[in-house]
Amino acid sequence: MTPTLFQRLMGAEFYHLSDEVKALHSRRGPYSYSGECTVERGRNLLGWMACVVMRLPPPMQAAPIRVDFDAQGAQESWQRSFNGAPMRSRLRFDGGLLLDRTGPARFRFRLFRIDKELYWVAEQVKVFGLFALPERWLDGVRCREFAEDGRYRFEVEARLPVFGRLLRYEGWLAPDDQADQG
């Protein structure tokens, strides 16, 4: 059987992740997860303007989130709905890195595992396909996926020098098909 995108990117390390993280990234075809999230945006004008241009979700507390995935081999699409505010990403394998196209930005992430948690660390960000952010700016662009109390959980943060925090969101997700059964 052909490995999924995340299995291909991580190799044997994938199988040491928590069961909840592995379950989300082992599926093929269309599937959905739903849960709850909190979204925080930066407070300075440059950060706010960057969020608008990037089409990132507005601030919200304990709000519903739904993610519709479509995993097709070495590429996936993720359609998120943050309490009705959409955010779409297209992900694919790119020379051992994860290429994530979200709005006008293209991110290249290196994935790695610490204990049973999955981390995404930005190695390159281009905006509008033209402007590459300096590498030293990317330390604050990251994601963490983990399990807590039997749930899949996520933390995503984008913080840049000069702009400060652009966005931070965190929460939990559960597969919709399991919720329908219980």
Protein backbone atom coordinates (compact mmCIF):
# COMPACT_ATOMS: atom_id res chain seq x y z
CA MET A 1 0.00 0.00 0.00
CA THR A 2 1.24 3.49 -0.87
CA PRO A 3 2.27 5.51 2.20
CA THR A 4 0.33 8.63 3.11
CA LEU A 5 1.98 12.03 2.80
CA PHE A 6 3.00 12.16 6.47
CA GLN A 7 4.19 8.52 6.48
CA ARG A 8 6.37 9.32 3.46
CA LEU A 9 7.77 12.50 5.02
CA MET A 10 8.63 10.89 8.35
CA GLY A 11 9.51 7.33 7.42
CA ALA A 12 9.86 4.97 10.39
CA GLU A 13 9.60 7.89 12.84
CA PHE A 14 5.90 8.16 11.94
CA TYR A 15 5.12 4.88 13.71
CA HIS A 16 6.44 6.22 17.04
CA LEU A 17 3.90 9.08 17.19
CA SER A 18 0.90 8.93 19.52
CA ASP A 19 -2.02 6.82 18.29
CA GLU A 20 -4.19 9.94 17.91
CA VAL A 21 -1.66 11.76 15.70
CA LYS A 22 -0.99 8.62 13.64
CA ALA A 23 -4.73 8.06 13.15
CA LEU A 24 -5.27 11.56 11.71
CA HIS A 25 -2.33 11.24 9.28
CA SER A 26 -2.91 7.59 8.26
CA ARG A 27 -6.21 8.04 6.47
CA ARG A 28 -6.74 8.24 2.74
CA GLY A 29 -9.42 9.91 0.66
CA PRO A 30 -11.93 12.37 2.11
CA TYR A 31 -12.59 12.47 5.87
CA SER A 32 -13.51 15.07 8.50
CA TYR A 33 -12.56 15.94 12.06
CA SER A 34 -14.35 18.40 14.35
CA GLY A 35 -13.59 19.90 17.72
CA GLU A 36 -12.93 23.15 19.52
CA CYS A 37 -10.29 25.84 19.18
CA THR A 38 -9.09 29.21 20.39
CA VAL A 39 -7.59 31.71 17.95
CA GLU A 40 -5.46 34.68 19.02
CA ARG A 41 -4.14 37.36 16.68
CA GLY A 42 -1.33 39.80 17.21
CA ARG A 43 -2.15 43.27 18.47
CA ASN A 44 0.04 45.50 16.32
CA LEU A 45 -1.11 47.02 13.03
CA LEU A 46 1.47 45.21 10.86
CA GLY A 47 0.47 41.83 12.31
CA TRP A 48 -3.23 42.57 11.87
CA MET A 49 -2.70 43.62 8.23
CA ALA A 50 -0.66 40.47 7.54
CA CYS A 51 -3.52 38.32 8.93
CA VAL A 52 -6.01 40.06 6.63
CA VAL A 53 -3.78 39.57 3.56
CA MET A 54 -3.14 35.92 4.49
CA ARG A 55 -6.89 35.34 5.06
CA LEU A 56 -6.29 33.96 8.56
CA PRO A 57 -9.20 33.41 10.97
CA PRO A 58 -10.31 36.12 13.42
CA PRO A 59 -9.84 35.83 17.19
CA MET A 60 -12.25 33.48 18.99
CA GLN A 61 -12.49 31.53 22.23
CA ALA A 62 -13.71 27.92 22.65
CA ALA A 63 -15.18 28.02 19.13
CA PRO A 64 -16.16 25.08 16.93
CA ILE A 65 -13.66 23.97 14.31
CA ARG A 66 -14.13 21.49 11.49
CA VAL A 67 -11.44 20.25 9.12
CA ASP A 68 -12.34 18.47 5.89
CA PHE A 69 -9.33 16.51 4.65
CA ASP A 70 -8.76 14.94 1.26
CA ALA A 71 -5.62 12.78 1.32
CA GLN A 72 -4.53 11.54 -2.10
CA GLY A 73 -1.10 9.88 -1.97
CA ALA A 74 1.66 12.47 -1.75
CA GLN A 75 -0.74 15.42 -1.50
CA GLU A 76 -3.58 16.56 0.73
CA SER A 77 -6.05 19.40 0.94
CA TRP A 78 -7.31 20.72 4.28
CA GLN A 79 -10.41 22.91 4.39
CA ARG A 80 -10.71 24.37 7.91
CA SER A 81 -13.76 26.16 9.24
CA PHE A 82 -13.07 28.18 12.38
CA ASN A 83 -16.64 28.88 13.53
CA GLY A 84 -17.50 29.54 9.87
CA ALA A 85 -14.27 31.41 8.96
CA PRO A 86 -12.56 29.36 6.21
CA MET A 87 -8.87 28.61 5.81
CA ARG A 88 -7.67 26.26 3.07
CA SER A 89 -4.29 24.58 2.73
CA ARG A 90 -2.84 22.37 0.03
CA LEU A 91 0.01 20.16 1.18
CA ARG A 92 2.42 17.99 -0.76
CA PHE A 93 5.77 16.25 -0.60
CA ASP A 94 8.60 18.51 -1.79
CA GLY A 95 12.12 17.10 -1.63
CA GLY A 96 11.75 15.63 1.85
CA LEU A 97 9.91 18.69 3.19
CA LEU A 98 6.21 19.43 3.56
CA LEU A 99 5.07 22.17 1.16
CA ASP A 100 2.00 23.95 2.56
CA ARG A 101 0.19 26.51 0.39
CA THR A 102 -2.13 28.61 2.53
CA GLY A 103 -3.59 31.76 1.02
CA PRO A 104 -0.87 33.72 -0.76
CA ALA A 105 1.92 32.03 1.26
CA ARG A 106 3.97 28.95 0.54
CA PHE A 107 5.61 27.31 3.57
CA ARG A 108 8.22 24.57 3.51
CA PHE A 109 8.28 22.65 6.81
CA ARG A 110 10.64 20.04 8.20
CA LEU A 111 8.74 17.47 10.26
CA PHE A 112 10.25 15.70 13.24
CA ARG A 113 9.24 13.72 16.28
CA ILE A 114 10.04 14.29 19.95
CA ASP A 115 8.72 11.46 22.10
CA LYS A 116 5.22 10.86 20.66
CA GLU A 117 4.66 14.42 19.41
CA LEU A 118 4.91 15.72 15.84
CA TYR A 119 6.57 19.09 15.22
CA TRP A 120 6.55 21.23 12.08
CA VAL A 121 9.31 23.82 11.80
CA ALA A 122 9.36 26.34 8.94
CA GLU A 123 12.45 26.30 6.76
CA GLN A 124 11.18 28.66 4.06
CA VAL A 125 8.25 31.03 3.59
CA LYS A 126 7.43 32.81 0.34
CA VAL A 127 4.58 35.27 -0.03
CA PHE A 128 2.88 35.73 -3.42
CA GLY A 129 5.53 33.39 -4.85
CA LEU A 130 8.00 36.28 -4.93
CA PHE A 131 9.05 37.46 -1.49
CA ALA A 132 11.05 34.99 0.60
CA LEU A 133 11.20 35.84 4.29
CA PRO A 134 14.72 35.78 5.78
CA GLU A 135 15.49 32.38 7.36
CA ARG A 136 16.33 34.00 10.71
CA TRP A 137 12.71 35.23 10.90
CA LEU A 138 11.23 31.73 10.79
CA ASP A 139 12.00 30.51 14.33
CA GLY A 140 8.52 31.62 15.42
CA VAL A 141 6.61 29.71 12.69
CA ARG A 142 5.77 26.26 14.01
CA CYS A 143 3.19 23.63 14.79
CA ARG A 144 2.92 20.91 17.43
CA GLU A 145 0.58 17.91 17.22
CA PHE A 146 0.13 15.68 20.25
CA ALA A 147 -2.31 13.62 22.31
CA GLU A 148 -3.80 14.61 25.63
CA ASP A 149 -6.55 12.80 27.51
CA GLY A 150 -7.07 10.50 24.52
CA ARG A 151 -7.64 13.40 22.10
CA TYR A 152 -5.69 14.69 19.13
CA ARG A 153 -4.50 18.21 19.97
CA PHE A 154 -2.74 20.95 18.01
CA GLU A 155 -0.90 24.23 18.63
CA VAL A 156 0.03 26.49 15.71
CA GLU A 157 1.93 29.76 15.99
CA ALA A 158 3.23 32.32 13.52
CA ARG A 159 5.38 35.05 15.07
CA LEU A 160 7.74 37.24 13.03
CA PRO A 161 10.22 39.96 13.94
CA VAL A 162 8.76 43.46 13.40
CA PHE A 163 5.23 41.99 12.93
CA GLY A 164 5.16 40.20 16.29
CA ARG A 165 2.52 37.52 16.71
CA LEU A 166 0.45 37.08 13.58
CA LEU A 167 -1.64 34.17 14.76
CA ARG A 168 -1.78 31.44 17.37
CA TYR A 169 -4.45 28.79 17.46
CA GLU A 170 -4.85 25.67 19.53
CA GLY A 171 -7.48 23.09 20.27
CA TRP A 172 -8.56 19.53 19.77
CA LEU A 173 -10.13 17.42 17.03
CA ALA A 174 -11.94 14.08 16.88
CA PRO A 175 -12.91 12.08 13.79
CA ASP A 176 -16.46 12.82 12.68
CA ASP A 177 -17.12 9.18 11.82
CA GLN A 178 -16.36 8.15 15.43
CA ALA A 179 -18.61 10.88 16.82
CA ASP A 180 -21.43 9.62 14.57
CA GLN A 181 -21.07 6.12 16.05
CA GLY A 182 -21.16 7.16 19.68
